[in-house]
Structure formats: structure tokens, C-alpha cells
């Protein structure tokens, strides 16, 4: 169970278990066909002021060529396709 922070004034607690994440992804893949169209993850889905952004600065940590090819602080929209899931 998640720890309780007695100093926090928050009224909301969130707990994500591996069972919940497995159930969510299983239902997502059973009810949606991503094989033909793929899926877009737009930079606008992340709220303004959030420390994590879909930009060349953040993703450049993992993919340094993004900064070299596209420059600093450029927004990124990601398109991906799930072609197969095996032995998962």
C-alpha cells in the first residue's frame, strides 16, 4: 500500500499496481486496433508548466541526434505502431 504523508494537505491519493497497469494495457490492446493506423502522442497532451515535455531538449537526453538535427527546444509529436507483442 502507498505510504501516507501526514504533512500533505492533498485530498487525493493515487495508487497504481502492476495488476492495474496490466489490466489497462490488456483492455487497451483488445479494444483498439493500432496495427493499421498507429497512435499519435502530441506534445499538447502535456499541460503547460509541467517539468516533462515532449521536446528535443528532453528527448535529446535519450536521442542526442535530435538536438543536432532539429535544434533546441522544438516540440515533438510522436507517431508509433504496435506491430507485434510476443512473449510478454
C-alpha atoms as a PDB file:
ATOM      1  CA  UNK A   1       0.000   0.000   0.000  1.00  0.00           C
ATOM      2  CA  UNK A   2       1.168   3.542  -0.588  1.00  0.00           C
ATOM      3  CA  UNK A   3       2.687   5.491   2.250  1.00  0.00           C
ATOM      4  CA  UNK A   4       0.696   8.247   3.918  1.00  0.00           C
ATOM      5  CA  UNK A   5       2.242  11.696   4.102  1.00  0.00           C
ATOM      6  CA  UNK A   6       0.667  13.278   7.170  1.00  0.00           C
ATOM      7  CA  UNK A   7       2.098  16.712   6.290  1.00  0.00           C
ATOM      8  CA  UNK A   8       0.367  16.823   2.903  1.00  0.00           C
ATOM      9  CA  UNK A   9      -2.908  18.722   2.597  1.00  0.00           C
ATOM     10  CA  UNK A  10      -3.895  16.814  -0.554  1.00  0.00           C
ATOM     11  CA  UNK A  11      -7.301  15.140  -0.559  1.00  0.00           C
ATOM     12  CA  UNK A  12      -6.453  12.758  -3.403  1.00  0.00           C
ATOM     13  CA  UNK A  13      -4.309   9.635  -3.292  1.00  0.00           C
ATOM     14  CA  UNK A  14      -3.368   7.552  -6.314  1.00  0.00           C
ATOM     15  CA  UNK A  15      -2.029   4.019  -6.230  1.00  0.00           C
ATOM     16  CA  UNK A  16      -1.060   2.150  -9.410  1.00  0.00           C
ATOM     17  CA  UNK A  17      -0.322  -1.548  -9.055  1.00  0.00           C
ATOM     18  CA  UNK A  18       1.188  -3.814 -11.677  1.00  0.00           C
ATOM     19  CA  UNK A  19      -2.175  -5.624 -11.870  1.00  0.00           C
ATOM     20  CA  UNK A  20      -3.963  -2.351 -12.672  1.00  0.00           C
ATOM     21  CA  UNK A  21      -1.415  -1.439 -15.361  1.00  0.00           C
ATOM     22  CA  UNK A  22      -1.596  -4.946 -16.881  1.00  0.00           C
ATOM     23  CA  UNK A  23      -5.405  -4.783 -16.943  1.00  0.00           C
ATOM     24  CA  UNK A  24      -5.390  -1.327 -18.514  1.00  0.00           C
ATOM     25  CA  UNK A  25      -2.944  -2.216 -21.285  1.00  0.00           C
ATOM     26  CA  UNK A  26      -4.680  -5.535 -21.964  1.00  0.00           C
ATOM     27  CA  UNK A  27      -8.056  -3.798 -22.353  1.00  0.00           C
ATOM     28  CA  UNK A  28      -6.480  -1.053 -24.483  1.00  0.00           C
ATOM     29  CA  UNK A  29      -4.975  -3.525 -26.956  1.00  0.00           C
ATOM     30  CA  UNK A  30      -8.105  -5.709 -27.082  1.00  0.00           C
ATOM     31  CA  UNK A  31     -10.449  -2.812 -27.829  1.00  0.00           C
ATOM     32  CA  UNK A  32      -8.280  -0.795 -30.245  1.00  0.00           C
ATOM     33  CA  UNK A  33      -6.633  -1.808 -33.489  1.00  0.00           C
ATOM     34  CA  UNK A  34      -3.336   0.039 -33.625  1.00  0.00           C
ATOM     35  CA  UNK A  35      -1.914  -2.148 -36.397  1.00  0.00           C
ATOM     36  CA  UNK A  36      -3.417  -0.142 -39.276  1.00  0.00           C
ATOM     37  CA  UNK A  37      -3.361   3.430 -38.077  1.00  0.00           C
ATOM     38  CA  UNK A  38      -0.900   3.628 -35.232  1.00  0.00           C
ATOM     39  CA  UNK A  39      -1.238   6.161 -32.472  1.00  0.00           C
ATOM     40  CA  UNK A  40      -0.182   9.781 -32.055  1.00  0.00           C
ATOM     41  CA  UNK A  41       1.270  11.226 -28.881  1.00  0.00           C
ATOM     42  CA  UNK A  42       1.109  15.000 -29.340  1.00  0.00           C
ATOM     43  CA  UNK A  43       3.192  17.447 -27.332  1.00  0.00           C
ATOM     44  CA  UNK A  44      -0.020  19.336 -26.477  1.00  0.00           C
ATOM     45  CA  UNK A  45      -1.241  16.470 -24.253  1.00  0.00           C
ATOM     46  CA  UNK A  46       1.184  17.598 -21.527  1.00  0.00           C
ATOM     47  CA  UNK A  47      -0.099  20.630 -19.575  1.00  0.00           C
ATOM     48  CA  UNK A  48       1.732  23.956 -19.647  1.00  0.00           C
ATOM     49  CA  UNK A  49       4.214  24.328 -16.811  1.00  0.00           C
ATOM     50  CA  UNK A  50       4.792  20.581 -16.387  1.00  0.00           C
ATOM     51  CA  UNK A  51       8.500  19.791 -15.962  1.00  0.00           C
ATOM     52  CA  UNK A  52       8.414  16.937 -18.500  1.00  0.00           C
ATOM     53  CA  UNK A  53       7.789  17.993 -22.091  1.00  0.00           C
ATOM     54  CA  UNK A  54       7.839  16.306 -25.474  1.00  0.00           C
ATOM     55  CA  UNK A  55      10.636  18.452 -26.834  1.00  0.00           C
ATOM     56  CA  UNK A  56      14.054  17.992 -28.366  1.00  0.00           C
ATOM     57  CA  UNK A  57      15.663  19.122 -25.084  1.00  0.00           C
ATOM     58  CA  UNK A  58      14.049  16.358 -23.017  1.00  0.00           C
ATOM     59  CA  UNK A  59      14.107  13.562 -25.609  1.00  0.00           C
ATOM     60  CA  UNK A  60      17.620  14.631 -26.631  1.00  0.00           C
ATOM     61  CA  UNK A  61      18.819  13.059 -23.385  1.00  0.00           C
ATOM     62  CA  UNK A  62      17.914   9.656 -24.858  1.00  0.00           C
ATOM     63  CA  UNK A  63      18.384  10.510 -28.545  1.00  0.00           C
ATOM     64  CA  UNK A  64      21.251  13.050 -28.862  1.00  0.00           C
ATOM     65  CA  UNK A  65      20.876  13.326 -32.638  1.00  0.00           C
ATOM     66  CA  UNK A  66      17.530  15.123 -32.139  1.00  0.00           C
ATOM     67  CA  UNK A  67      19.342  18.187 -30.809  1.00  0.00           C
ATOM     68  CA  UNK A  68      21.910  18.082 -33.581  1.00  0.00           C
ATOM     69  CA  UNK A  69      19.360  17.685 -36.402  1.00  0.00           C
ATOM     70  CA  UNK A  70      16.421  19.778 -35.156  1.00  0.00           C
ATOM     71  CA  UNK A  71      17.831  22.255 -32.635  1.00  0.00           C
ATOM     72  CA  UNK A  72      16.993  23.123 -29.054  1.00  0.00           C
ATOM     73  CA  UNK A  73      13.516  23.427 -27.535  1.00  0.00           C
ATOM     74  CA  UNK A  74      11.477  22.190 -30.523  1.00  0.00           C
ATOM     75  CA  UNK A  75       8.170  20.427 -29.848  1.00  0.00           C
ATOM     76  CA  UNK A  76       7.879  16.784 -30.859  1.00  0.00           C
ATOM     77  CA  UNK A  77       4.787  14.773 -31.802  1.00  0.00           C
ATOM     78  CA  UNK A  78       5.373  11.009 -31.773  1.00  0.00           C
ATOM     79  CA  UNK A  79       3.617   8.502 -34.032  1.00  0.00           C
ATOM     80  CA  UNK A  80       4.024   4.839 -33.165  1.00  0.00           C
ATOM     81  CA  UNK A  81       2.643   1.499 -34.280  1.00  0.00           C
ATOM     82  CA  UNK A  82       2.484  -1.720 -32.307  1.00  0.00           C
ATOM     83  CA  UNK A  83       3.241  -4.407 -34.857  1.00  0.00           C
ATOM     84  CA  UNK A  84       3.554  -7.422 -32.555  1.00  0.00           C
ATOM     85  CA  UNK A  85       3.709  -8.343 -28.922  1.00  0.00           C
ATOM     86  CA  UNK A  86       5.388 -11.676 -28.306  1.00  0.00           C
ATOM     87  CA  UNK A  87       6.332 -13.489 -25.101  1.00  0.00           C
ATOM     88  CA  UNK A  88       5.090 -10.623 -22.997  1.00  0.00           C
END
